[in-house]
N, C-alpha and C. Protein backbone atom coordinates (compact mmCIF):
# COMPACT_ATOMS: atom_id res chain seq x y z
N UNK A 1 0.83 -1.19 0.00
CA UNK A 1 0.00 0.00 0.00
C UNK A 1 0.88 1.25 0.00
N UNK A 2 0.69 2.17 -0.97
CA UNK A 2 1.53 3.37 -1.03
C UNK A 2 1.25 4.31 0.15
N UNK A 3 2.28 5.06 0.54
CA UNK A 3 2.10 6.04 1.60
C UNK A 3 1.21 7.18 1.13
N UNK A 4 0.54 7.81 2.09
CA UNK A 4 -0.27 8.99 1.81
C UNK A 4 0.63 10.22 1.74
N UNK A 5 0.46 11.00 0.73
CA UNK A 5 1.22 12.25 0.59
C UNK A 5 0.54 13.31 1.45
N UNK A 6 1.27 13.78 2.47
CA UNK A 6 0.63 14.60 3.50
C UNK A 6 1.04 16.07 3.44
N UNK A 7 0.05 16.94 3.68
CA UNK A 7 0.27 18.37 3.88
C UNK A 7 -0.16 18.72 5.29
N UNK A 8 0.69 19.42 6.03
CA UNK A 8 0.38 19.86 7.39
C UNK A 8 0.19 21.37 7.39
N UNK A 9 -0.95 21.82 7.87
CA UNK A 9 -1.29 23.24 7.92
C UNK A 9 -1.20 23.69 9.37
N UNK A 10 -0.36 24.68 9.66
CA UNK A 10 -0.09 25.08 11.04
C UNK A 10 -0.58 26.50 11.31
N UNK A 11 -1.52 26.61 12.21
CA UNK A 11 -1.93 27.90 12.79
C UNK A 11 -0.89 28.19 13.87
N UNK A 12 0.18 28.91 13.51
CA UNK A 12 1.40 28.89 14.30
C UNK A 12 1.22 29.37 15.74
N UNK A 13 0.67 30.55 15.92
CA UNK A 13 0.55 31.08 17.28
C UNK A 13 -0.30 30.17 18.14
N UNK A 14 -1.37 29.62 17.56
CA UNK A 14 -2.24 28.72 18.31
C UNK A 14 -1.47 27.49 18.77
N UNK A 15 -0.74 26.87 17.86
CA UNK A 15 0.03 25.66 18.19
C UNK A 15 1.11 25.98 19.22
N UNK A 16 1.83 27.08 19.01
CA UNK A 16 2.93 27.45 19.90
C UNK A 16 2.43 27.76 21.30
N UNK A 17 1.45 28.65 21.43
CA UNK A 17 1.02 29.10 22.75
C UNK A 17 0.26 28.03 23.51
N UNK A 18 -0.52 27.19 22.84
CA UNK A 18 -1.20 26.11 23.56
C UNK A 18 -0.19 25.08 24.05
N UNK A 19 0.85 24.84 23.27
CA UNK A 19 1.90 23.92 23.71
C UNK A 19 2.66 24.45 24.91
N UNK A 20 3.05 25.72 24.86
CA UNK A 20 3.75 26.34 25.99
C UNK A 20 2.85 26.35 27.22
N UNK A 21 1.58 26.69 27.03
CA UNK A 21 0.66 26.74 28.16
C UNK A 21 0.44 25.40 28.83
N UNK A 22 0.55 24.33 28.07
CA UNK A 22 0.33 23.00 28.62
C UNK A 22 1.59 22.41 29.25
N UNK A 23 2.74 22.62 28.61
CA UNK A 23 3.95 21.93 29.04
C UNK A 23 5.00 22.83 29.70
N UNK A 24 5.01 24.12 29.35
CA UNK A 24 6.06 25.02 29.86
C UNK A 24 5.46 26.35 30.30
N UNK A 25 4.36 26.31 31.04
CA UNK A 25 3.66 27.53 31.38
C UNK A 25 4.46 28.45 32.31
N UNK A 26 5.51 27.92 32.93
CA UNK A 26 6.35 28.72 33.82
C UNK A 26 7.49 29.41 33.07
N UNK A 27 7.59 29.19 31.76
CA UNK A 27 8.66 29.75 30.96
C UNK A 27 8.11 30.77 29.96
N UNK A 28 8.92 31.78 29.58
CA UNK A 28 8.49 32.71 28.53
C UNK A 28 8.27 31.96 27.21
N UNK A 29 7.20 32.24 26.48
CA UNK A 29 6.92 31.51 25.23
C UNK A 29 8.05 31.54 24.22
N UNK A 30 8.78 32.68 24.14
CA UNK A 30 9.82 32.78 23.11
C UNK A 30 11.00 31.83 23.37
N UNK A 31 11.09 31.28 24.58
CA UNK A 31 12.16 30.34 24.87
C UNK A 31 11.82 28.92 24.43
N UNK A 32 10.61 28.73 23.97
CA UNK A 32 10.18 27.40 23.50
C UNK A 32 9.49 27.55 22.15
N UNK A 33 10.19 28.22 21.24
CA UNK A 33 9.67 28.43 19.91
C UNK A 33 9.55 27.08 19.18
N UNK A 34 8.46 26.88 18.50
CA UNK A 34 8.21 25.63 17.77
C UNK A 34 8.78 25.75 16.36
N UNK A 35 9.61 24.80 15.99
CA UNK A 35 10.13 24.72 14.62
C UNK A 35 9.11 23.95 13.78
N UNK A 36 8.51 24.57 12.75
CA UNK A 36 7.43 23.92 12.01
C UNK A 36 7.78 22.57 11.41
N UNK A 37 9.00 22.44 10.86
CA UNK A 37 9.38 21.16 10.25
C UNK A 37 9.55 20.09 11.32
N UNK A 38 10.18 20.43 12.44
CA UNK A 38 10.32 19.46 13.53
C UNK A 38 8.94 19.04 14.05
N UNK A 39 8.05 20.02 14.16
CA UNK A 39 6.68 19.71 14.61
C UNK A 39 6.00 18.74 13.63
N UNK A 40 6.08 19.03 12.36
CA UNK A 40 5.43 18.18 11.36
C UNK A 40 6.03 16.77 11.36
N UNK A 41 7.34 16.68 11.52
CA UNK A 41 7.97 15.36 11.57
C UNK A 41 7.53 14.57 12.80
N UNK A 42 7.45 15.24 13.95
CA UNK A 42 6.95 14.58 15.16
C UNK A 42 5.52 14.10 14.95
N UNK A 43 4.72 14.94 14.34
CA UNK A 43 3.32 14.61 14.07
C UNK A 43 3.19 13.39 13.17
N UNK A 44 3.91 13.39 12.05
CA UNK A 44 3.81 12.28 11.10
C UNK A 44 4.32 10.98 11.72
N UNK A 45 5.42 11.07 12.46
CA UNK A 45 5.97 9.87 13.11
C UNK A 45 4.97 9.29 14.10
N UNK A 46 4.40 10.14 14.94
CA UNK A 46 3.43 9.68 15.93
C UNK A 46 2.17 9.15 15.25
N UNK A 47 1.71 9.85 14.26
CA UNK A 47 0.51 9.41 13.53
C UNK A 47 0.72 8.03 12.91
N UNK A 48 1.85 7.82 12.26
CA UNK A 48 2.11 6.54 11.62
C UNK A 48 2.23 5.41 12.64
N UNK A 49 2.86 5.70 13.79
CA UNK A 49 3.03 4.65 14.80
C UNK A 49 1.71 4.22 15.42
N UNK A 50 0.69 5.07 15.34
CA UNK A 50 -0.61 4.75 15.92
C UNK A 50 -1.56 4.05 14.96
N UNK A 51 -1.15 3.88 13.71
CA UNK A 51 -2.03 3.26 12.73
C UNK A 51 -2.10 1.75 12.92
N UNK A 52 -3.27 1.22 12.74
CA UNK A 52 -3.44 -0.24 12.80
C UNK A 52 -2.75 -0.90 11.59
N UNK A 53 -2.44 -2.16 11.77
CA UNK A 53 -1.80 -2.91 10.69
C UNK A 53 -2.69 -2.88 9.45
N UNK A 54 -2.07 -2.60 8.32
CA UNK A 54 -2.80 -2.55 7.07
C UNK A 54 -3.25 -1.16 6.68
N UNK A 55 -3.17 -0.19 7.62
CA UNK A 55 -3.54 1.18 7.30
C UNK A 55 -2.33 1.90 6.71
N UNK A 56 -2.60 2.79 5.77
CA UNK A 56 -1.52 3.48 5.07
C UNK A 56 -0.81 4.46 5.99
N UNK A 57 0.50 4.51 5.88
CA UNK A 57 1.30 5.52 6.57
C UNK A 57 1.35 6.79 5.71
N UNK A 58 1.86 7.86 6.31
CA UNK A 58 1.95 9.14 5.63
C UNK A 58 3.40 9.53 5.41
N UNK A 59 3.64 10.25 4.32
CA UNK A 59 4.94 10.85 4.03
C UNK A 59 4.74 12.35 3.89
N UNK A 60 5.56 13.12 4.60
CA UNK A 60 5.41 14.57 4.61
C UNK A 60 5.82 15.18 3.28
N UNK A 61 4.91 15.96 2.69
CA UNK A 61 5.19 16.64 1.43
C UNK A 61 5.20 18.17 1.58
N UNK A 62 4.33 18.70 2.46
CA UNK A 62 4.21 20.15 2.61
C UNK A 62 4.00 20.51 4.07
N UNK A 63 4.57 21.65 4.46
CA UNK A 63 4.29 22.26 5.77
C UNK A 63 3.93 23.72 5.50
N UNK A 64 2.67 24.05 5.67
CA UNK A 64 2.18 25.40 5.39
C UNK A 64 1.91 26.11 6.71
N UNK A 65 2.65 27.18 6.96
CA UNK A 65 2.62 27.88 8.25
C UNK A 65 1.98 29.25 8.06
N UNK A 66 1.06 29.60 8.95
CA UNK A 66 0.39 30.90 8.90
C UNK A 66 0.55 31.58 10.25
N UNK A 67 1.01 32.85 10.19
CA UNK A 67 1.44 33.52 11.41
C UNK A 67 1.32 35.03 11.28
N UNK A 68 1.11 35.73 12.40
CA UNK A 68 1.07 37.18 12.40
C UNK A 68 2.47 37.78 12.31
N UNK A 69 2.55 38.97 11.72
CA UNK A 69 3.84 39.68 11.55
C UNK A 69 3.78 41.02 12.28
N UNK A 70 4.68 41.25 13.26
CA UNK A 70 4.72 42.55 13.94
C UNK A 70 5.06 43.68 12.98
N UNK A 71 4.69 44.90 13.37
CA UNK A 71 4.96 46.07 12.56
C UNK A 71 6.45 46.42 12.61
N UNK A 72 7.02 46.75 11.46
CA UNK A 72 8.41 47.18 11.41
C UNK A 72 8.61 48.53 12.08
N UNK A 73 7.56 49.34 12.12
CA UNK A 73 7.66 50.66 12.74
C UNK A 73 7.47 50.59 14.25
N UNK A 74 6.53 49.78 14.70
CA UNK A 74 6.19 49.73 16.12
C UNK A 74 7.12 48.80 16.90
N UNK A 75 7.45 47.65 16.30
CA UNK A 75 8.29 46.67 16.99
C UNK A 75 9.32 46.11 16.01
N UNK A 76 10.33 46.92 15.66
CA UNK A 76 11.27 46.48 14.62
C UNK A 76 12.06 45.24 14.97
N UNK A 77 12.36 45.02 16.25
CA UNK A 77 13.12 43.83 16.64
C UNK A 77 12.29 42.56 16.40
N UNK A 78 11.03 42.59 16.83
CA UNK A 78 10.16 41.43 16.61
C UNK A 78 9.92 41.20 15.13
N UNK A 79 9.80 42.28 14.38
CA UNK A 79 9.63 42.18 12.93
C UNK A 79 10.83 41.47 12.30
N UNK A 80 12.03 41.89 12.69
CA UNK A 80 13.25 41.28 12.14
C UNK A 80 13.36 39.81 12.54
N UNK A 81 13.01 39.50 13.80
CA UNK A 81 13.06 38.09 14.25
C UNK A 81 12.12 37.22 13.44
N UNK A 82 10.91 37.71 13.20
CA UNK A 82 9.95 36.91 12.45
C UNK A 82 10.42 36.64 11.03
N UNK A 83 11.02 37.64 10.40
CA UNK A 83 11.54 37.42 9.06
C UNK A 83 12.72 36.46 9.07
N UNK A 84 13.58 36.56 10.10
CA UNK A 84 14.70 35.63 10.21
C UNK A 84 14.22 34.20 10.44
N UNK A 85 13.18 34.05 11.25
CA UNK A 85 12.61 32.72 11.49
C UNK A 85 12.01 32.14 10.21
N UNK A 86 11.29 32.97 9.49
CA UNK A 86 10.72 32.52 8.21
C UNK A 86 11.82 32.04 7.26
N UNK A 87 12.89 32.82 7.14
CA UNK A 87 13.99 32.45 6.25
C UNK A 87 14.65 31.15 6.69
N UNK A 88 14.83 30.99 8.00
CA UNK A 88 15.46 29.77 8.52
C UNK A 88 14.58 28.55 8.29
N UNK A 89 13.30 28.67 8.59
CA UNK A 89 12.39 27.53 8.45
C UNK A 89 12.21 27.12 6.99
N UNK A 90 12.26 28.09 6.09
CA UNK A 90 12.02 27.80 4.68
C UNK A 90 13.27 27.28 3.97
N UNK A 91 14.33 27.03 4.71
CA UNK A 91 15.50 26.39 4.10
C UNK A 91 15.15 25.00 3.59
N UNK A 92 14.19 24.36 4.23
CA UNK A 92 13.66 23.10 3.71
C UNK A 92 12.55 23.45 2.71
N UNK A 93 12.65 23.00 1.46
CA UNK A 93 11.69 23.41 0.42
C UNK A 93 10.26 22.97 0.69
N UNK A 94 10.07 22.06 1.63
CA UNK A 94 8.70 21.63 1.94
C UNK A 94 7.96 22.65 2.80
N UNK A 95 8.69 23.57 3.42
CA UNK A 95 8.10 24.52 4.36
C UNK A 95 7.82 25.85 3.66
N UNK A 96 6.60 26.35 3.85
CA UNK A 96 6.22 27.66 3.34
C UNK A 96 5.58 28.44 4.48
N UNK A 97 6.09 29.65 4.78
CA UNK A 97 5.59 30.47 5.87
C UNK A 97 4.92 31.71 5.30
N UNK A 98 3.64 31.90 5.63
CA UNK A 98 2.89 33.08 5.21
C UNK A 98 2.67 33.97 6.43
N UNK A 99 3.13 35.22 6.33
CA UNK A 99 3.01 36.18 7.43
C UNK A 99 1.95 37.22 7.10
N UNK A 100 1.10 37.49 8.06
CA UNK A 100 0.05 38.51 7.89
C UNK A 100 0.22 39.57 8.97
N UNK A 101 0.23 40.86 8.60
CA UNK A 101 0.47 41.93 9.59
C UNK A 101 -0.49 41.86 10.77
N UNK A 102 0.07 42.05 11.96
CA UNK A 102 -0.74 42.10 13.17
C UNK A 102 -1.59 43.36 13.18
N UNK A 103 -2.70 43.28 13.90
CA UNK A 103 -3.60 44.42 14.06
C UNK A 103 -3.29 45.10 15.39
N UNK A 104 -3.02 46.43 15.33
CA UNK A 104 -2.70 47.20 16.53
C UNK A 104 -3.86 48.14 16.85
N UNK A 105 -4.13 48.26 18.14
CA UNK A 105 -5.11 49.25 18.61
C UNK A 105 -4.35 50.35 19.36
N UNK A 106 -4.77 51.57 19.15
CA UNK A 106 -4.05 52.71 19.71
C UNK A 106 -4.91 53.47 20.72
N UNK A 107 -4.23 54.00 21.73
CA UNK A 107 -4.89 54.93 22.65
C UNK A 107 -5.20 56.22 21.89
N UNK A 108 -6.29 56.86 22.29
CA UNK A 108 -6.72 58.07 21.59
C UNK A 108 -6.68 59.29 22.51
N UNK A 109 -6.27 60.41 21.95
CA UNK A 109 -6.31 61.68 22.67
C UNK A 109 -7.74 62.21 22.67
N UNK A 110 -7.98 63.29 23.38
CA UNK A 110 -9.33 63.85 23.48
C UNK A 110 -9.88 64.29 22.13
N UNK A 111 -9.00 64.68 21.21
CA UNK A 111 -9.47 65.10 19.89
C UNK A 111 -9.68 63.94 18.94
N UNK A 112 -9.49 62.69 19.44
CA UNK A 112 -9.72 61.50 18.63
C UNK A 112 -8.51 61.00 17.88
N UNK A 113 -7.44 61.78 17.90
CA UNK A 113 -6.23 61.33 17.22
C UNK A 113 -5.48 60.32 18.08
N UNK A 114 -4.56 59.61 17.42
CA UNK A 114 -3.74 58.65 18.15
C UNK A 114 -2.88 59.37 19.18
N UNK A 115 -2.91 58.87 20.42
CA UNK A 115 -2.12 59.49 21.48
C UNK A 115 -0.65 59.10 21.33
N UNK A 116 0.24 60.01 21.72
CA UNK A 116 1.67 59.75 21.65
C UNK A 116 2.32 59.97 23.01
N UNK A 117 3.47 59.33 23.21
CA UNK A 117 4.21 59.52 24.45
C UNK A 117 5.18 60.70 24.29
N UNK A 118 6.06 60.90 25.29
CA UNK A 118 6.97 62.04 25.28
C UNK A 118 7.95 62.00 24.12
N UNK A 119 8.21 60.77 23.62
CA UNK A 119 9.14 60.62 22.49
C UNK A 119 8.43 60.70 21.14
N UNK A 120 7.12 60.93 21.18
CA UNK A 120 6.36 61.03 19.94
C UNK A 120 5.90 59.71 19.36
N UNK A 121 6.06 58.64 20.12
CA UNK A 121 5.63 57.32 19.65
C UNK A 121 4.17 57.09 20.00
N UNK A 122 3.46 56.40 19.12
CA UNK A 122 2.06 56.10 19.38
C UNK A 122 1.93 55.17 20.59
N UNK A 123 0.92 55.42 21.40
CA UNK A 123 0.67 54.61 22.60
C UNK A 123 -0.31 53.51 22.23
N UNK A 124 0.07 52.26 22.48
CA UNK A 124 -0.78 51.13 22.14
C UNK A 124 -1.84 50.90 23.21
N UNK A 125 -2.97 50.39 22.78
CA UNK A 125 -4.05 50.03 23.70
C UNK A 125 -4.19 48.51 23.66
N UNK A 126 -3.49 47.82 24.56
CA UNK A 126 -3.52 46.37 24.59
C UNK A 126 -2.49 45.75 23.65
N UNK A 127 -2.46 44.44 23.63
CA UNK A 127 -1.50 43.71 22.80
C UNK A 127 -2.01 43.63 21.36
N UNK A 128 -1.10 43.54 20.40
CA UNK A 128 -1.53 43.36 19.00
C UNK A 128 -2.21 42.01 18.82
N UNK A 129 -3.09 41.93 17.83
CA UNK A 129 -3.87 40.72 17.60
C UNK A 129 -3.70 40.23 16.17
N UNK A 130 -3.76 38.92 16.01
CA UNK A 130 -3.77 38.35 14.68
C UNK A 130 -5.15 38.53 14.06
N UNK A 131 -5.19 38.92 12.81
CA UNK A 131 -6.43 39.06 12.07
C UNK A 131 -6.27 38.38 10.71
N UNK A 132 -7.15 37.46 10.42
CA UNK A 132 -7.14 36.82 9.11
C UNK A 132 -6.32 35.56 9.01
N UNK A 133 -5.55 35.22 10.06
CA UNK A 133 -4.75 34.00 10.01
C UNK A 133 -5.64 32.76 9.96
N UNK A 134 -6.75 32.79 10.72
CA UNK A 134 -7.66 31.65 10.69
C UNK A 134 -8.29 31.47 9.31
N UNK A 135 -8.56 32.58 8.63
CA UNK A 135 -9.13 32.50 7.28
C UNK A 135 -8.11 31.89 6.32
N UNK A 136 -6.85 32.30 6.44
CA UNK A 136 -5.80 31.73 5.60
C UNK A 136 -5.66 30.23 5.83
N UNK A 137 -5.75 29.80 7.09
CA UNK A 137 -5.69 28.37 7.40
C UNK A 137 -6.86 27.62 6.79
N UNK A 138 -8.05 28.22 6.88
CA UNK A 138 -9.26 27.59 6.33
C UNK A 138 -9.13 27.44 4.81
N UNK A 139 -8.68 28.48 4.15
CA UNK A 139 -8.51 28.42 2.69
C UNK A 139 -7.48 27.37 2.30
N UNK A 140 -6.38 27.32 3.05
CA UNK A 140 -5.34 26.33 2.75
C UNK A 140 -5.85 24.91 2.95
N UNK A 141 -6.65 24.71 3.99
CA UNK A 141 -7.20 23.38 4.27
C UNK A 141 -8.03 22.88 3.10
N UNK A 142 -8.93 23.71 2.60
CA UNK A 142 -9.79 23.30 1.48
C UNK A 142 -8.96 23.17 0.20
N UNK A 143 -8.04 24.10 -0.01
CA UNK A 143 -7.21 24.05 -1.22
C UNK A 143 -6.36 22.78 -1.27
N UNK A 144 -5.73 22.44 -0.16
CA UNK A 144 -4.90 21.24 -0.14
C UNK A 144 -5.73 19.97 -0.26
N UNK A 145 -6.94 19.99 0.29
CA UNK A 145 -7.83 18.83 0.17
C UNK A 145 -8.25 18.59 -1.28
N UNK A 146 -8.21 19.64 -2.09
CA UNK A 146 -8.55 19.52 -3.52
C UNK A 146 -7.36 19.17 -4.39
N UNK A 147 -6.16 19.29 -3.85
CA UNK A 147 -4.94 19.06 -4.64
C UNK A 147 -4.80 17.58 -4.98
N UNK A 148 -4.76 17.22 -6.26
CA UNK A 148 -4.65 15.81 -6.62
C UNK A 148 -3.33 15.17 -6.20
N UNK A 149 -2.34 16.00 -5.84
CA UNK A 149 -1.05 15.47 -5.41
C UNK A 149 -0.96 15.29 -3.90
N UNK A 150 -2.05 15.56 -3.19
CA UNK A 150 -2.10 15.42 -1.74
C UNK A 150 -3.19 14.42 -1.36
N UNK A 151 -2.83 13.46 -0.52
CA UNK A 151 -3.78 12.43 -0.09
C UNK A 151 -4.28 12.65 1.34
N UNK A 152 -3.53 13.44 2.11
CA UNK A 152 -3.84 13.62 3.53
C UNK A 152 -3.54 15.07 3.92
N UNK A 153 -4.51 15.72 4.55
CA UNK A 153 -4.32 17.08 5.06
C UNK A 153 -4.53 17.05 6.57
N UNK A 154 -3.54 17.55 7.32
CA UNK A 154 -3.64 17.58 8.78
C UNK A 154 -3.64 19.03 9.24
N UNK A 155 -4.69 19.42 9.95
CA UNK A 155 -4.82 20.78 10.46
C UNK A 155 -4.30 20.84 11.89
N UNK A 156 -3.31 21.72 12.12
CA UNK A 156 -2.75 21.91 13.44
C UNK A 156 -3.27 23.23 14.01
N UNK A 157 -4.34 23.14 14.76
CA UNK A 157 -4.95 24.31 15.40
C UNK A 157 -5.99 23.82 16.39
N UNK A 158 -6.26 24.63 17.41
CA UNK A 158 -7.35 24.33 18.33
C UNK A 158 -8.42 25.42 18.26
N UNK A 159 -8.43 26.17 17.17
CA UNK A 159 -9.39 27.26 16.97
C UNK A 159 -10.70 26.71 16.42
N UNK A 160 -11.75 26.78 17.22
CA UNK A 160 -13.04 26.22 16.81
C UNK A 160 -13.64 26.96 15.61
N UNK A 161 -13.16 28.17 15.30
CA UNK A 161 -13.64 28.88 14.12
C UNK A 161 -13.29 28.13 12.84
N UNK A 162 -12.35 27.19 12.94
CA UNK A 162 -11.94 26.43 11.75
C UNK A 162 -12.77 25.17 11.53
N UNK A 163 -13.71 24.88 12.42
CA UNK A 163 -14.51 23.67 12.26
C UNK A 163 -15.33 23.66 10.97
N UNK A 164 -15.93 24.80 10.54
CA UNK A 164 -16.62 24.77 9.24
C UNK A 164 -15.71 24.43 8.07
N UNK A 165 -14.45 24.85 8.14
CA UNK A 165 -13.50 24.50 7.08
C UNK A 165 -13.22 23.00 7.09
N UNK A 166 -13.17 22.40 8.27
CA UNK A 166 -13.03 20.94 8.35
C UNK A 166 -14.22 20.26 7.70
N UNK A 167 -15.43 20.77 7.97
CA UNK A 167 -16.63 20.22 7.35
C UNK A 167 -16.53 20.27 5.82
N UNK A 168 -16.09 21.43 5.31
CA UNK A 168 -16.00 21.61 3.86
C UNK A 168 -14.95 20.67 3.26
N UNK A 169 -13.80 20.57 3.90
CA UNK A 169 -12.73 19.70 3.38
C UNK A 169 -13.15 18.23 3.38
N UNK A 170 -13.85 17.82 4.44
CA UNK A 170 -14.32 16.43 4.50
C UNK A 170 -15.40 16.16 3.45
N UNK A 171 -16.25 17.15 3.20
CA UNK A 171 -17.34 16.98 2.24
C UNK A 171 -16.83 16.79 0.81
N UNK A 172 -15.63 17.25 0.55
CA UNK A 172 -15.06 17.07 -0.79
C UNK A 172 -14.82 15.60 -1.11
N UNK A 173 -14.54 14.80 -0.06
CA UNK A 173 -14.29 13.36 -0.21
C UNK A 173 -13.14 13.09 -1.19
N UNK A 174 -12.13 13.92 -1.08
CA UNK A 174 -10.93 13.74 -1.91
C UNK A 174 -9.79 13.27 -1.01
N UNK A 175 -9.08 14.19 -0.38
CA UNK A 175 -8.02 13.81 0.56
C UNK A 175 -8.61 13.47 1.93
N UNK A 176 -7.90 12.62 2.68
CA UNK A 176 -8.24 12.39 4.07
C UNK A 176 -7.95 13.66 4.86
N UNK A 177 -8.76 13.92 5.88
CA UNK A 177 -8.59 15.11 6.71
C UNK A 177 -8.42 14.66 8.16
N UNK A 178 -7.39 15.19 8.82
CA UNK A 178 -7.12 14.84 10.22
C UNK A 178 -6.72 16.09 10.99
N UNK A 179 -6.62 15.95 12.32
CA UNK A 179 -6.19 17.06 13.17
C UNK A 179 -5.10 16.56 14.13
N UNK A 180 -4.56 17.50 14.92
CA UNK A 180 -3.53 17.18 15.90
C UNK A 180 -3.76 18.04 17.13
N UNK A 181 -3.43 17.52 18.30
CA UNK A 181 -3.57 18.28 19.55
C UNK A 181 -2.43 17.90 20.48
N UNK A 182 -2.21 18.75 21.49
CA UNK A 182 -1.23 18.44 22.55
C UNK A 182 -1.91 17.66 23.66
N UNK A 183 -1.14 16.75 24.31
CA UNK A 183 -1.70 15.93 25.37
C UNK A 183 -0.66 15.70 26.45
N UNK A 184 -0.96 16.12 27.67
CA UNK A 184 -0.07 15.93 28.81
C UNK A 184 -0.46 14.63 29.52
N UNK A 185 0.30 13.58 29.29
CA UNK A 185 -0.03 12.27 29.85
C UNK A 185 0.05 12.26 31.37
N UNK A 186 1.05 12.97 31.92
CA UNK A 186 1.23 12.96 33.37
C UNK A 186 0.07 13.58 34.12
N UNK A 187 -0.42 14.71 33.62
CA UNK A 187 -1.51 15.43 34.27
C UNK A 187 -2.87 15.12 33.65
N UNK A 188 -2.85 14.33 32.61
CA UNK A 188 -4.04 14.01 31.82
C UNK A 188 -4.80 15.28 31.44
N UNK A 189 -4.04 16.23 30.90
CA UNK A 189 -4.61 17.45 30.36
C UNK A 189 -4.31 17.49 28.87
N UNK A 190 -5.14 18.18 28.14
CA UNK A 190 -4.90 18.26 26.72
C UNK A 190 -5.45 19.57 26.16
N UNK A 191 -4.94 19.95 24.99
CA UNK A 191 -5.51 21.09 24.28
C UNK A 191 -6.79 20.62 23.58
N UNK A 192 -7.55 21.57 23.12
CA UNK A 192 -8.83 21.25 22.48
C UNK A 192 -8.63 20.45 21.21
N UNK A 193 -9.51 19.49 20.95
CA UNK A 193 -9.54 18.76 19.69
C UNK A 193 -10.72 19.29 18.88
N UNK A 194 -10.44 19.99 17.80
CA UNK A 194 -11.55 20.47 16.97
C UNK A 194 -11.94 19.37 15.99
N UNK A 195 -13.23 19.30 15.71
CA UNK A 195 -13.75 18.22 14.87
C UNK A 195 -14.86 18.74 13.96
N UNK A 196 -15.03 18.13 12.79
CA UNK A 196 -16.16 18.50 11.94
C UNK A 196 -17.47 17.99 12.55
N UNK A 197 -18.58 18.55 12.10
CA UNK A 197 -19.87 18.14 12.64
C UNK A 197 -20.34 16.80 12.09
N UNK A 198 -20.02 16.54 10.84
CA UNK A 198 -20.67 15.42 10.15
C UNK A 198 -20.09 14.06 10.48
N UNK A 199 -18.81 13.96 10.80
CA UNK A 199 -18.21 12.64 11.01
C UNK A 199 -17.01 12.75 11.94
N UNK A 200 -16.55 11.60 12.40
CA UNK A 200 -15.36 11.52 13.24
C UNK A 200 -14.13 11.40 12.35
N UNK A 201 -13.10 12.13 12.73
CA UNK A 201 -11.84 12.04 11.99
C UNK A 201 -10.71 11.75 12.98
N UNK A 202 -9.59 11.32 12.43
CA UNK A 202 -8.44 10.94 13.25
C UNK A 202 -7.78 12.18 13.84
N UNK A 203 -7.45 12.12 15.12
CA UNK A 203 -6.69 13.16 15.79
C UNK A 203 -5.45 12.53 16.41
N UNK A 204 -4.28 13.11 16.10
CA UNK A 204 -3.03 12.65 16.68
C UNK A 204 -2.69 13.51 17.90
N UNK A 205 -2.39 12.86 19.02
CA UNK A 205 -2.03 13.58 20.23
C UNK A 205 -0.51 13.56 20.40
N UNK A 206 0.04 14.75 20.63
CA UNK A 206 1.48 14.87 20.84
C UNK A 206 1.74 15.23 22.30
N UNK A 207 2.71 14.54 22.91
CA UNK A 207 2.97 14.71 24.34
C UNK A 207 4.12 15.70 24.59
N UNK A 208 4.51 15.80 25.87
CA UNK A 208 5.57 16.74 26.27
C UNK A 208 6.89 16.42 25.59
N UNK A 209 7.18 15.15 25.41
CA UNK A 209 8.43 14.76 24.74
C UNK A 209 8.44 15.25 23.30
N UNK A 210 7.31 15.15 22.63
CA UNK A 210 7.21 15.65 21.25
C UNK A 210 7.36 17.16 21.21
N UNK A 211 6.75 17.84 22.20
CA UNK A 211 6.86 19.30 22.26
C UNK A 211 8.32 19.72 22.41
N UNK A 212 9.04 19.04 23.28
CA UNK A 212 10.45 19.33 23.47
C UNK A 212 11.25 19.07 22.20
N UNK A 213 10.91 18.00 21.49
CA UNK A 213 11.64 17.61 20.29
C UNK A 213 11.42 18.58 19.13
N UNK A 214 10.32 19.34 19.14
CA UNK A 214 10.07 20.25 18.02
C UNK A 214 10.47 21.69 18.36
N UNK A 215 11.18 21.88 19.46
CA UNK A 215 11.66 23.22 19.84
C UNK A 215 12.71 23.71 18.85
N UNK A 216 12.63 24.99 18.53
CA UNK A 216 13.62 25.62 17.64
C UNK A 216 14.73 26.20 18.52
N UNK A 217 15.95 25.64 18.48
CA UNK A 217 17.03 26.12 19.36
C UNK A 217 17.78 27.32 18.80
N UNK A 218 17.44 27.78 17.63
CA UNK A 218 18.17 28.88 16.99
C UNK A 218 18.01 30.19 17.78
N UNK A 219 19.07 30.95 17.87
CA UNK A 219 19.04 32.25 18.53
C UNK A 219 18.85 33.32 17.46
N UNK A 220 17.69 34.00 17.48
CA UNK A 220 17.37 34.98 16.45
C UNK A 220 17.63 36.42 16.88
N UNK A 221 18.17 36.61 18.06
CA UNK A 221 18.45 37.98 18.55
C UNK A 221 19.82 38.47 18.07
């Protein structure tokens, strides 16, 4: 039986922060950056080892990463780090990283204009937010499910807003559709498993050892 040609779609911030929150909540998130290719390899290895005899294994063909991009004006260091990470991760031709600008909210002066500090810099109101990353993941999920060169699409996210996209990808009845989640065996805690409404699909659970193995050790500062 031939292996399934697999595409892994990664909602990066979701995967990274849920993993840190489950396994390394006492550490700063940037110290446990997830390397997308290492993550996908851990996922495929674990998924294949859990298959019953006679079921097809998967071979990794694509890793599609979607992530927010800090502003070069507001946070130039974070902007440079994100671009350096993208360049490093894409050294493997199977990895493609799509960055979408983060959304910033600003404090307002009494006249309605953006408020500034003593140095003339705009004052932010709260942390920046990702906008549109979930839509990009949803589009990629359906697009890859339609690709005749892909037999298996695995969505890496715990965002329930993506459940309709899972429904749509499954309804195509072309590629197999699966998901992945984090699972803490010691504490019996896990991240959310999102699922389509119409049917049950395979979910691969990755433990603390897998999370450690997919850490990106590169220093981007």
